[in-house]
Amino acid sequence: MQTAKISIAIATAIAVLGLSACGDDGGDAGSTTTARPAETTDPPAKPPRRWHKYINPTAGFSISVPPAWKILPNGAITVLRSPDKVVAVSATADRTDEALDTPLEEYAATTLANLKGFTELKPTGNRAYAPAAYPAAIATADGRLESSGVPQRLTLVVLRREGIAAYAVLATHNAKIRSPFVEQVDAIIHSLRGRPVEGSG
């Protein structure tokens, strides 16, 4: 299942990037078994003042990045880390049939429940997520980093460009530290826009 691939990629991102939070999978960003509509570029969102646009050509999306946040590109996974290193937001695209056909809330909840790299995961919510550029669902949970035992708050939002791609955005932060940068997460998620994978057209 694709959720297993997502879990492996997230665990890899934790190990490679050494984050207090983690990344998501896009390794099969271009694979599918069903004919899909031709993918076009949605105009990038206008970033808030002092933010800037970042494009992941491998996964096929653009996203806005707040000032002083560090961008940690990892192929089809883009990880953004807050200046205080407490918050991390990762984004990727999934173009498989499972991602496009599974009900959004089910896909988000199942993906979050199967994350690797965390222990004691306890779901805390699952619902539709709005407003966003695309239909979306959000799943939340509490847990601990397997590597350090640090408590984490996890938020996974899946946005779906119908018939084309699902974009998974995972935000995690240290539950013991009150970070002002958590307030920027929604704006980051809302800024995501789809575009073709580089070289796919």
Protein backbone atom coordinates (compact mmCIF):
# COMPACT_ATOMS: atom_id res chain seq x y z
CA MET A 1 0.00 0.00 0.00
CA GLN A 2 1.09 3.55 -0.64
CA THR A 3 0.72 4.38 3.06
CA ALA A 4 3.55 1.93 3.79
CA LYS A 5 5.77 3.73 1.26
CA ILE A 6 4.89 7.06 2.86
CA SER A 7 5.82 5.70 6.29
CA ILE A 8 9.20 4.45 5.09
CA ALA A 9 10.00 7.79 3.46
CA ILE A 10 9.05 9.70 6.60
CA ALA A 11 11.27 7.51 8.75
CA THR A 12 14.10 8.04 6.27
CA ALA A 13 13.60 11.81 6.36
CA ILE A 14 13.87 11.80 10.15
CA ALA A 15 17.11 9.83 10.05
CA VAL A 16 18.71 11.77 7.21
CA LEU A 17 17.66 15.28 8.15
CA GLY A 18 17.79 14.90 11.94
CA LEU A 19 14.59 16.87 12.43
CA SER A 20 12.35 17.29 15.44
CA ALA A 21 9.68 16.66 12.80
CA CYS A 22 9.66 14.85 9.51
CA GLY A 23 9.08 14.49 5.78
CA ASP A 24 6.62 12.65 3.55
CA ASP A 25 6.75 10.40 0.50
CA GLY A 26 6.76 11.29 -3.14
CA GLY A 27 8.89 8.50 -4.53
CA ASP A 28 6.09 7.29 -6.78
CA ALA A 29 4.90 10.79 -7.60
CA GLY A 30 4.51 9.99 -11.29
CA SER A 31 3.23 6.40 -11.13
CA THR A 32 -0.37 5.43 -11.79
CA THR A 33 -2.30 2.66 -13.47
CA THR A 34 -5.19 4.76 -14.81
CA ALA A 35 -5.21 7.39 -17.55
CA ARG A 36 -5.39 10.83 -15.97
CA PRO A 37 -6.15 14.32 -17.28
CA ALA A 38 -3.22 16.31 -18.60
CA GLU A 39 -1.61 18.13 -15.71
CA THR A 40 -1.23 21.90 -15.93
CA THR A 41 0.38 24.49 -13.68
CA ASP A 42 -1.90 26.22 -11.21
CA PRO A 43 -0.72 29.80 -10.63
CA PRO A 44 1.32 29.91 -7.40
CA ALA A 45 -0.36 31.52 -4.43
CA LYS A 46 0.61 35.11 -3.75
CA PRO A 47 2.94 34.81 -0.74
CA PRO A 48 2.41 36.98 2.33
CA ARG A 49 4.77 39.91 2.74
CA ARG A 50 8.43 38.81 3.05
CA TRP A 51 7.56 35.17 2.29
CA HIS A 52 8.91 33.59 -0.90
CA LYS A 53 7.80 30.91 -3.33
CA TYR A 54 9.56 27.55 -3.55
CA ILE A 55 9.02 25.02 -6.35
CA ASN A 56 9.63 21.30 -6.01
CA PRO A 57 10.04 20.19 -9.64
CA THR A 58 10.41 16.51 -8.73
CA ALA A 59 7.10 16.21 -6.87
CA GLY A 60 5.33 18.90 -8.89
CA PHE A 61 4.09 21.67 -6.60
CA SER A 62 4.87 25.18 -5.40
CA ILE A 63 4.63 26.36 -1.81
CA SER A 64 5.22 29.59 0.10
CA VAL A 65 7.98 29.75 2.71
CA PRO A 66 7.98 32.14 5.69
CA PRO A 67 10.97 34.38 6.42
CA ALA A 68 13.97 32.65 8.04
CA TRP A 69 12.53 29.15 7.59
CA LYS A 70 15.10 26.70 6.26
CA ILE A 71 14.31 24.67 3.14
CA LEU A 72 15.63 21.10 3.22
CA PRO A 73 14.96 19.62 -0.23
CA ASN A 74 15.07 15.84 -0.42
CA GLY A 75 14.01 14.89 -3.94
CA ALA A 76 10.23 14.54 -4.03
CA ILE A 77 10.04 15.57 -0.36
CA THR A 78 10.35 19.21 0.66
CA VAL A 79 10.92 19.85 4.35
CA LEU A 80 10.63 23.33 5.84
CA ARG A 81 12.06 23.94 9.32
CA SER A 82 11.22 26.89 11.54
CA PRO A 83 14.02 29.19 12.76
CA ASP A 84 13.71 27.81 16.31
CA LYS A 85 13.91 24.22 14.94
CA VAL A 86 10.76 23.30 16.85
CA VAL A 87 8.38 23.07 13.87
CA ALA A 88 8.85 21.14 10.64
CA VAL A 89 6.52 20.99 7.65
CA SER A 90 7.05 18.43 4.91
CA ALA A 91 5.21 18.20 1.62
CA THR A 92 5.09 15.79 -1.29
CA ALA A 93 2.76 14.59 -4.03
CA ASP A 94 1.14 11.22 -4.62
CA ARG A 95 -0.28 10.42 -8.05
CA THR A 96 -1.23 6.78 -7.46
CA ASP A 97 -4.77 5.46 -7.90
CA GLU A 98 -5.04 4.90 -4.14
CA ALA A 99 -4.31 8.55 -3.40
CA LEU A 100 -6.82 9.74 -5.98
CA ASP A 101 -9.65 7.30 -5.27
CA THR A 102 -9.63 6.81 -1.48
CA PRO A 103 -11.95 9.19 0.43
CA LEU A 104 -9.82 12.07 1.64
CA GLU A 105 -10.55 11.75 5.35
CA GLU A 106 -9.86 8.01 5.23
CA TYR A 107 -6.61 8.52 3.31
CA ALA A 108 -5.38 11.19 5.74
CA ALA A 109 -6.28 9.18 8.85
CA THR A 110 -4.78 5.93 7.55
CA THR A 111 -1.56 7.61 6.46
CA LEU A 112 -1.11 9.36 9.80
CA ALA A 113 -1.89 6.19 11.77
CA ASN A 114 0.80 4.28 9.85
CA LEU A 115 3.65 6.76 10.26
CA LYS A 116 6.99 5.21 11.10
CA GLY A 117 9.55 6.99 13.28
CA PHE A 118 6.97 7.69 16.00
CA THR A 119 5.70 5.73 19.00
CA GLU A 120 2.56 6.01 21.12
CA LEU A 121 0.61 7.60 18.25
CA LYS A 122 -2.84 8.61 19.49
CA PRO A 123 -5.28 10.08 16.93
CA THR A 124 -6.92 13.30 18.13
CA GLY A 125 -9.06 14.30 15.14
CA ASN A 126 -10.06 13.71 11.52
CA ARG A 127 -12.22 16.02 9.42
CA ALA A 128 -12.56 18.02 6.23
CA TYR A 129 -10.11 20.91 5.99
CA ALA A 130 -11.08 24.28 4.55
CA PRO A 131 -10.57 26.75 3.08
CA ALA A 132 -7.82 25.46 0.81
CA ALA A 133 -7.00 25.62 -2.88
CA TYR A 134 -8.23 22.04 -3.33
CA PRO A 135 -10.59 19.68 -1.48
CA ALA A 136 -8.73 18.64 1.66
CA ALA A 137 -8.86 16.62 4.87
CA ILE A 138 -6.90 16.92 8.11
CA ALA A 139 -5.88 14.24 10.61
CA THR A 140 -4.15 15.01 13.91
CA ALA A 141 -2.37 12.93 16.52
CA ASP A 142 -0.04 13.05 19.48
CA GLY A 143 3.02 10.82 19.75
CA ARG A 144 6.71 10.61 20.47
CA LEU A 145 9.76 10.55 18.25
CA GLU A 146 11.04 7.00 18.28
CA SER A 147 14.66 8.16 18.19
CA SER A 148 14.51 10.50 21.20
CA GLY A 149 11.18 10.08 22.97
CA VAL A 150 10.40 13.79 22.48
CA PRO A 151 6.62 14.33 22.52
CA GLN A 152 5.20 15.58 19.23
CA ARG A 153 1.98 17.09 17.91
CA LEU A 154 1.33 15.86 14.38
CA THR A 155 -0.96 17.36 11.75
CA LEU A 156 -1.39 15.78 8.32
CA VAL A 157 -3.35 17.61 5.62
CA VAL A 158 -4.08 15.92 2.30
CA LEU A 159 -5.12 18.22 -0.54
CA ARG A 160 -6.38 16.63 -3.73
CA ARG A 161 -6.39 18.03 -7.22
CA GLU A 162 -9.14 15.75 -8.49
CA GLY A 163 -7.99 13.16 -11.00
CA ILE A 164 -4.40 14.43 -10.95
CA ALA A 165 -2.58 14.37 -7.61
CA ALA A 166 -2.90 14.31 -3.84
CA TYR A 167 -0.53 16.53 -1.88
CA ALA A 168 0.36 15.39 1.62
CA VAL A 169 1.58 18.07 4.02
CA LEU A 170 2.77 16.92 7.43
CA ALA A 171 3.46 19.40 10.24
CA THR A 172 5.03 18.28 13.50
CA HIS A 173 6.31 20.19 16.50
CA ASN A 174 7.71 19.54 19.93
CA ALA A 175 4.68 19.37 22.22
CA LYS A 176 6.66 20.69 25.20
CA ILE A 177 7.73 23.93 23.55
CA ARG A 178 5.37 26.78 22.68
CA SER A 179 6.60 28.01 19.31
CA PRO A 180 5.13 31.09 17.62
CA PHE A 181 5.98 29.53 14.26
CA VAL A 182 3.16 26.97 14.64
CA GLU A 183 0.82 29.82 13.67
CA GLN A 184 2.38 29.96 10.19
CA VAL A 185 1.62 26.34 9.33
CA ASP A 186 -1.91 26.90 7.99
CA ALA A 187 -0.72 29.64 5.64
CA ILE A 188 2.03 27.34 4.33
CA ILE A 189 -0.50 24.58 3.65
CA HIS A 190 -2.98 26.93 2.00
CA SER A 191 -0.27 28.21 -0.35
CA LEU A 192 0.39 24.84 -2.01
CA ARG A 193 -0.39 24.69 -5.73
CA GLY A 194 0.05 21.84 -8.21
CA ARG A 195 2.17 21.75 -11.34
CA PRO A 196 3.48 19.02 -13.65
CA VAL A 197 6.48 16.99 -12.56
CA GLU A 198 9.59 18.31 -14.30
CA GLY A 199 10.21 16.35 -17.47
CA SER A 200 6.79 14.67 -17.43
CA GLY A 201 5.40 16.72 -20.29
